[in-house]
Amino acid sequence: MKYLCLIYSDEGQWDRMSKAEGDQMYGDYMAYTASIRESGHYLGGNALQPTRTATTVRVRGGKTSTTDGPFAETKEQLGGFYLIEAADLNEAVQIAARIPGALVGSIEVRPIQQTGA
């Protein structure tokens, strides 16, 4: 089954890290990604640009409106994701718990909706 692991953290934390801390976190992510590629769980993933680059789109009454930034202000922002393959939710949670961002933020694990065809 496919799961999306959404990585939430305070995006300002990267600015507050020393170069050594940032390099360590980056290295941890690269090692994690390599490990789930090797295990066959990795299907895709990416980091996201900061929330200041986001645009929220709404369509009401046939009219499209856009707003700069994310939908809501929160303490933690969506910073990236992994799309993984796991046997079940328990395995997906175990895989998500190893994402380095879980140490400073949270990981939301969501099953991918299976559609017909």
N, C-alpha and C. Protein backbone atom coordinates (compact mmCIF):
# COMPACT_ATOMS: atom_id res chain seq x y z
N MET A 1 0.84 -1.17 0.00
CA MET A 1 0.00 0.00 0.00
C MET A 1 0.89 1.24 0.00
N LYS A 2 0.39 2.29 -0.63
CA LYS A 2 1.16 3.54 -0.70
C LYS A 2 0.72 4.49 0.41
N TYR A 3 1.72 5.18 0.98
CA TYR A 3 1.49 6.17 2.03
C TYR A 3 2.27 7.44 1.71
N LEU A 4 1.67 8.57 2.05
CA LEU A 4 2.35 9.84 1.94
C LEU A 4 2.76 10.27 3.34
N CYS A 5 4.03 10.54 3.52
CA CYS A 5 4.57 11.01 4.80
C CYS A 5 4.85 12.51 4.66
N LEU A 6 4.02 13.31 5.30
CA LEU A 6 4.13 14.77 5.23
C LEU A 6 4.98 15.26 6.39
N ILE A 7 6.02 16.01 6.09
CA ILE A 7 6.99 16.45 7.09
C ILE A 7 6.68 17.88 7.51
N TYR A 8 6.30 18.05 8.78
CA TYR A 8 5.98 19.37 9.32
C TYR A 8 7.03 19.78 10.35
N SER A 9 7.47 21.02 10.26
CA SER A 9 8.37 21.58 11.27
C SER A 9 8.35 23.09 11.16
N ASP A 10 8.97 23.74 12.08
CA ASP A 10 9.12 25.20 12.05
C ASP A 10 10.19 25.50 11.01
N GLU A 11 9.76 26.07 9.87
CA GLU A 11 10.73 26.30 8.79
C GLU A 11 11.83 27.27 9.19
N GLY A 12 11.61 28.07 10.23
CA GLY A 12 12.63 28.99 10.72
C GLY A 12 13.77 28.28 11.44
N GLN A 13 13.56 27.01 11.80
CA GLN A 13 14.61 26.27 12.52
C GLN A 13 15.88 26.15 11.70
N TRP A 14 15.75 26.05 10.36
CA TRP A 14 16.94 25.94 9.51
C TRP A 14 17.79 27.20 9.62
N ASP A 15 17.13 28.35 9.72
CA ASP A 15 17.86 29.62 9.84
C ASP A 15 18.57 29.74 11.19
N ARG A 16 18.03 29.08 12.20
CA ARG A 16 18.62 29.15 13.54
C ARG A 16 19.72 28.11 13.77
N MET A 17 19.87 27.18 12.86
CA MET A 17 20.90 26.14 13.01
C MET A 17 22.26 26.69 12.62
N SER A 18 23.27 26.19 13.30
CA SER A 18 24.63 26.50 12.88
C SER A 18 24.89 25.76 11.57
N LYS A 19 25.95 26.13 10.87
CA LYS A 19 26.30 25.43 9.63
C LYS A 19 26.52 23.95 9.90
N ALA A 20 27.18 23.63 10.99
CA ALA A 20 27.44 22.23 11.34
C ALA A 20 26.13 21.47 11.59
N GLU A 21 25.19 22.10 12.30
CA GLU A 21 23.90 21.46 12.56
C GLU A 21 23.11 21.26 11.27
N GLY A 22 23.12 22.27 10.41
CA GLY A 22 22.42 22.17 9.12
C GLY A 22 23.02 21.09 8.25
N ASP A 23 24.35 21.03 8.21
CA ASP A 23 25.03 20.00 7.43
C ASP A 23 24.71 18.61 7.97
N GLN A 24 24.64 18.48 9.30
CA GLN A 24 24.31 17.19 9.92
C GLN A 24 22.89 16.76 9.56
N MET A 25 21.93 17.69 9.65
CA MET A 25 20.54 17.37 9.32
C MET A 25 20.42 16.99 7.85
N TYR A 26 21.08 17.75 6.97
CA TYR A 26 21.06 17.44 5.54
C TYR A 26 21.65 16.05 5.29
N GLY A 27 22.75 15.75 5.94
CA GLY A 27 23.38 14.43 5.80
C GLY A 27 22.47 13.32 6.31
N ASP A 28 21.75 13.60 7.42
CA ASP A 28 20.81 12.62 7.96
C ASP A 28 19.69 12.33 6.96
N TYR A 29 19.19 13.39 6.31
CA TYR A 29 18.15 13.19 5.29
C TYR A 29 18.68 12.40 4.10
N MET A 30 19.88 12.69 3.66
CA MET A 30 20.43 11.95 2.52
C MET A 30 20.62 10.47 2.88
N ALA A 31 21.08 10.20 4.08
CA ALA A 31 21.27 8.81 4.52
C ALA A 31 19.92 8.10 4.64
N TYR A 32 18.92 8.79 5.19
CA TYR A 32 17.59 8.20 5.32
C TYR A 32 17.03 7.86 3.94
N THR A 33 17.12 8.81 3.02
CA THR A 33 16.60 8.60 1.66
C THR A 33 17.29 7.42 1.00
N ALA A 34 18.61 7.33 1.14
CA ALA A 34 19.35 6.20 0.57
C ALA A 34 18.88 4.88 1.18
N SER A 35 18.61 4.88 2.49
CA SER A 35 18.22 3.64 3.15
C SER A 35 16.84 3.16 2.69
N ILE A 36 15.88 4.09 2.48
CA ILE A 36 14.57 3.61 2.04
C ILE A 36 14.53 3.32 0.54
N ARG A 37 15.46 3.91 -0.20
CA ARG A 37 15.61 3.51 -1.62
C ARG A 37 16.10 2.06 -1.67
N GLU A 38 17.13 1.78 -0.87
CA GLU A 38 17.72 0.43 -0.86
C GLU A 38 16.73 -0.62 -0.38
N SER A 39 15.86 -0.26 0.57
CA SER A 39 14.90 -1.23 1.11
C SER A 39 13.70 -1.43 0.20
N GLY A 40 13.55 -0.58 -0.82
CA GLY A 40 12.43 -0.70 -1.73
C GLY A 40 11.17 0.04 -1.30
N HIS A 41 11.23 0.78 -0.20
CA HIS A 41 10.06 1.52 0.29
C HIS A 41 9.88 2.87 -0.40
N TYR A 42 10.93 3.42 -0.97
CA TYR A 42 10.89 4.76 -1.55
C TYR A 42 10.18 4.77 -2.89
N LEU A 43 9.18 5.65 -3.03
CA LEU A 43 8.52 5.86 -4.32
C LEU A 43 8.75 7.27 -4.84
N GLY A 44 9.04 8.21 -3.95
CA GLY A 44 9.29 9.58 -4.35
C GLY A 44 9.36 10.48 -3.13
N GLY A 45 9.72 11.72 -3.37
CA GLY A 45 9.78 12.68 -2.27
C GLY A 45 10.52 13.92 -2.69
N ASN A 46 10.30 14.99 -1.94
CA ASN A 46 10.97 16.26 -2.20
C ASN A 46 10.80 17.19 -1.02
N ALA A 47 11.72 18.13 -0.92
CA ALA A 47 11.57 19.26 0.00
C ALA A 47 10.74 20.31 -0.73
N LEU A 48 10.09 21.17 0.04
CA LEU A 48 9.30 22.25 -0.54
C LEU A 48 9.97 23.58 -0.29
N GLN A 49 9.71 24.54 -1.15
CA GLN A 49 10.18 25.91 -0.94
C GLN A 49 9.47 26.46 0.30
N PRO A 50 9.99 27.53 0.93
CA PRO A 50 9.36 28.09 2.14
C PRO A 50 7.92 28.55 1.88
N THR A 51 7.14 28.65 2.95
CA THR A 51 5.73 29.03 2.82
C THR A 51 5.55 30.40 2.19
N ARG A 52 6.53 31.27 2.29
CA ARG A 52 6.40 32.60 1.67
C ARG A 52 6.28 32.51 0.15
N THR A 53 6.63 31.37 -0.44
CA THR A 53 6.51 31.19 -1.89
C THR A 53 5.18 30.54 -2.28
N ALA A 54 4.36 30.16 -1.29
CA ALA A 54 3.11 29.45 -1.56
C ALA A 54 2.02 30.40 -2.06
N THR A 55 1.11 29.84 -2.81
CA THR A 55 -0.10 30.54 -3.25
C THR A 55 -1.28 29.61 -2.98
N THR A 56 -2.31 30.13 -2.31
CA THR A 56 -3.52 29.36 -2.04
C THR A 56 -4.56 29.77 -3.07
N VAL A 57 -5.20 28.78 -3.70
CA VAL A 57 -6.19 29.01 -4.75
C VAL A 57 -7.56 28.57 -4.25
N ARG A 58 -8.56 29.42 -4.48
CA ARG A 58 -9.95 29.09 -4.17
C ARG A 58 -10.81 29.44 -5.39
N VAL A 59 -11.85 28.62 -5.62
CA VAL A 59 -12.83 28.93 -6.65
C VAL A 59 -14.19 28.98 -5.97
N ARG A 60 -14.84 30.13 -6.04
CA ARG A 60 -16.16 30.32 -5.43
C ARG A 60 -17.05 30.99 -6.47
N GLY A 61 -18.21 30.41 -6.70
CA GLY A 61 -19.13 31.00 -7.66
C GLY A 61 -18.53 31.16 -9.04
N GLY A 62 -17.65 30.23 -9.42
CA GLY A 62 -17.03 30.29 -10.74
C GLY A 62 -15.87 31.26 -10.85
N LYS A 63 -15.53 31.95 -9.77
CA LYS A 63 -14.43 32.92 -9.80
C LYS A 63 -13.24 32.37 -9.01
N THR A 64 -12.07 32.50 -9.61
CA THR A 64 -10.83 32.05 -8.99
C THR A 64 -10.19 33.21 -8.25
N SER A 65 -9.81 32.94 -7.00
CA SER A 65 -9.06 33.94 -6.24
C SER A 65 -7.80 33.28 -5.70
N THR A 66 -6.76 34.07 -5.55
CA THR A 66 -5.51 33.57 -5.01
C THR A 66 -5.09 34.43 -3.82
N THR A 67 -4.41 33.79 -2.89
CA THR A 67 -3.88 34.46 -1.71
C THR A 67 -2.42 34.04 -1.56
N ASP A 68 -1.56 34.99 -1.27
CA ASP A 68 -0.16 34.65 -1.02
C ASP A 68 -0.07 33.88 0.28
N GLY A 69 0.77 32.86 0.27
CA GLY A 69 1.03 32.10 1.48
C GLY A 69 0.12 30.90 1.64
N PRO A 70 0.34 30.17 2.73
CA PRO A 70 -0.45 28.96 3.00
C PRO A 70 -1.86 29.34 3.48
N PHE A 71 -2.72 28.34 3.56
CA PHE A 71 -4.10 28.53 3.96
C PHE A 71 -4.21 29.05 5.39
N ALA A 72 -3.38 28.54 6.29
CA ALA A 72 -3.49 28.92 7.71
C ALA A 72 -2.10 29.15 8.30
N GLU A 73 -2.02 30.05 9.26
CA GLU A 73 -0.79 30.25 10.01
C GLU A 73 -0.71 29.16 11.08
N THR A 74 0.41 28.48 11.16
CA THR A 74 0.59 27.42 12.14
C THR A 74 2.01 27.49 12.70
N LYS A 75 2.23 26.78 13.79
CA LYS A 75 3.58 26.71 14.37
C LYS A 75 4.51 25.89 13.49
N GLU A 76 3.94 24.85 12.86
CA GLU A 76 4.73 23.99 11.99
C GLU A 76 4.20 24.08 10.57
N GLN A 77 5.10 24.10 9.60
CA GLN A 77 4.73 24.22 8.21
C GLN A 77 5.12 22.94 7.46
N LEU A 78 4.39 22.66 6.40
CA LEU A 78 4.71 21.52 5.55
C LEU A 78 6.01 21.84 4.81
N GLY A 79 7.03 21.03 5.05
CA GLY A 79 8.33 21.30 4.48
C GLY A 79 8.77 20.33 3.41
N GLY A 80 8.11 19.19 3.33
CA GLY A 80 8.49 18.20 2.34
C GLY A 80 7.67 16.94 2.53
N PHE A 81 7.98 15.93 1.72
CA PHE A 81 7.21 14.70 1.79
C PHE A 81 8.02 13.53 1.23
N TYR A 82 7.61 12.36 1.64
CA TYR A 82 8.07 11.10 1.05
C TYR A 82 6.83 10.32 0.66
N LEU A 83 6.84 9.73 -0.52
CA LEU A 83 5.82 8.77 -0.93
C LEU A 83 6.47 7.40 -0.79
N ILE A 84 5.86 6.56 0.03
CA ILE A 84 6.47 5.26 0.33
C ILE A 84 5.51 4.12 0.04
N GLU A 85 6.06 2.95 -0.07
CA GLU A 85 5.31 1.70 -0.18
C GLU A 85 5.54 0.95 1.13
N ALA A 86 4.46 0.51 1.77
CA ALA A 86 4.57 -0.24 3.01
C ALA A 86 3.48 -1.30 3.04
N ALA A 87 3.72 -2.36 3.78
CA ALA A 87 2.77 -3.46 3.86
C ALA A 87 1.47 -3.03 4.54
N ASP A 88 1.60 -2.14 5.55
CA ASP A 88 0.44 -1.69 6.30
C ASP A 88 0.80 -0.41 7.06
N LEU A 89 -0.17 0.13 7.79
CA LEU A 89 0.06 1.37 8.52
C LEU A 89 1.17 1.22 9.55
N ASN A 90 1.25 0.09 10.21
CA ASN A 90 2.29 -0.13 11.21
C ASN A 90 3.68 0.02 10.59
N GLU A 91 3.90 -0.60 9.43
CA GLU A 91 5.19 -0.49 8.77
C GLU A 91 5.43 0.94 8.29
N ALA A 92 4.38 1.61 7.79
CA ALA A 92 4.51 3.00 7.34
C ALA A 92 4.93 3.90 8.50
N VAL A 93 4.34 3.69 9.67
CA VAL A 93 4.70 4.49 10.85
C VAL A 93 6.15 4.23 11.24
N GLN A 94 6.59 2.99 11.19
CA GLN A 94 7.98 2.67 11.50
C GLN A 94 8.94 3.36 10.53
N ILE A 95 8.60 3.38 9.26
CA ILE A 95 9.43 4.05 8.25
C ILE A 95 9.43 5.56 8.51
N ALA A 96 8.25 6.14 8.78
CA ALA A 96 8.12 7.58 9.01
C ALA A 96 8.86 8.02 10.27
N ALA A 97 8.91 7.17 11.27
CA ALA A 97 9.57 7.52 12.54
C ALA A 97 11.07 7.72 12.35
N ARG A 98 11.63 7.19 11.27
CA ARG A 98 13.06 7.36 11.01
C ARG A 98 13.38 8.62 10.21
N ILE A 99 12.35 9.34 9.74
CA ILE A 99 12.59 10.59 9.01
C ILE A 99 13.23 11.59 9.97
N PRO A 100 14.37 12.18 9.63
CA PRO A 100 15.06 13.08 10.56
C PRO A 100 14.19 14.21 11.10
N GLY A 101 13.26 14.71 10.32
CA GLY A 101 12.39 15.78 10.77
C GLY A 101 11.48 15.41 11.93
N ALA A 102 11.29 14.11 12.17
CA ALA A 102 10.46 13.67 13.29
C ALA A 102 11.09 14.06 14.63
N LEU A 103 12.40 14.30 14.62
CA LEU A 103 13.11 14.68 15.85
C LEU A 103 12.83 16.12 16.26
N VAL A 104 12.41 16.96 15.31
CA VAL A 104 12.20 18.38 15.61
C VAL A 104 10.80 18.86 15.23
N GLY A 105 10.03 18.02 14.56
CA GLY A 105 8.69 18.40 14.12
C GLY A 105 7.78 17.19 14.20
N SER A 106 6.95 17.02 13.19
CA SER A 106 6.04 15.88 13.17
C SER A 106 5.90 15.36 11.74
N ILE A 107 5.52 14.10 11.65
CA ILE A 107 5.31 13.45 10.36
C ILE A 107 3.87 12.96 10.33
N GLU A 108 3.11 13.42 9.35
CA GLU A 108 1.75 12.94 9.16
C GLU A 108 1.79 11.83 8.13
N VAL A 109 1.26 10.66 8.47
CA VAL A 109 1.25 9.51 7.58
C VAL A 109 -0.19 9.33 7.07
N ARG A 110 -0.35 9.40 5.75
CA ARG A 110 -1.69 9.28 5.16
C ARG A 110 -1.68 8.23 4.07
N PRO A 111 -2.62 7.27 4.14
CA PRO A 111 -2.71 6.30 3.05
C PRO A 111 -3.19 6.98 1.78
N ILE A 112 -2.69 6.52 0.65
CA ILE A 112 -3.11 7.03 -0.65
C ILE A 112 -4.42 6.36 -1.01
N GLN A 113 -5.39 7.13 -1.42
CA GLN A 113 -6.69 6.61 -1.83
C GLN A 113 -6.53 5.76 -3.08
N GLN A 114 -6.96 4.54 -3.03
CA GLN A 114 -6.92 3.65 -4.19
C GLN A 114 -8.18 3.87 -5.00
N THR A 115 -8.03 4.23 -6.26
CA THR A 115 -9.19 4.43 -7.12
C THR A 115 -9.25 3.33 -8.16
N GLY A 116 -10.41 3.07 -8.66
CA GLY A 116 -10.60 2.01 -9.66
C GLY A 116 -9.94 2.36 -10.98
N ALA A 117 -9.82 1.35 -11.81
CA ALA A 117 -9.30 1.45 -13.19
C ALA A 117 -7.94 1.00 -13.33
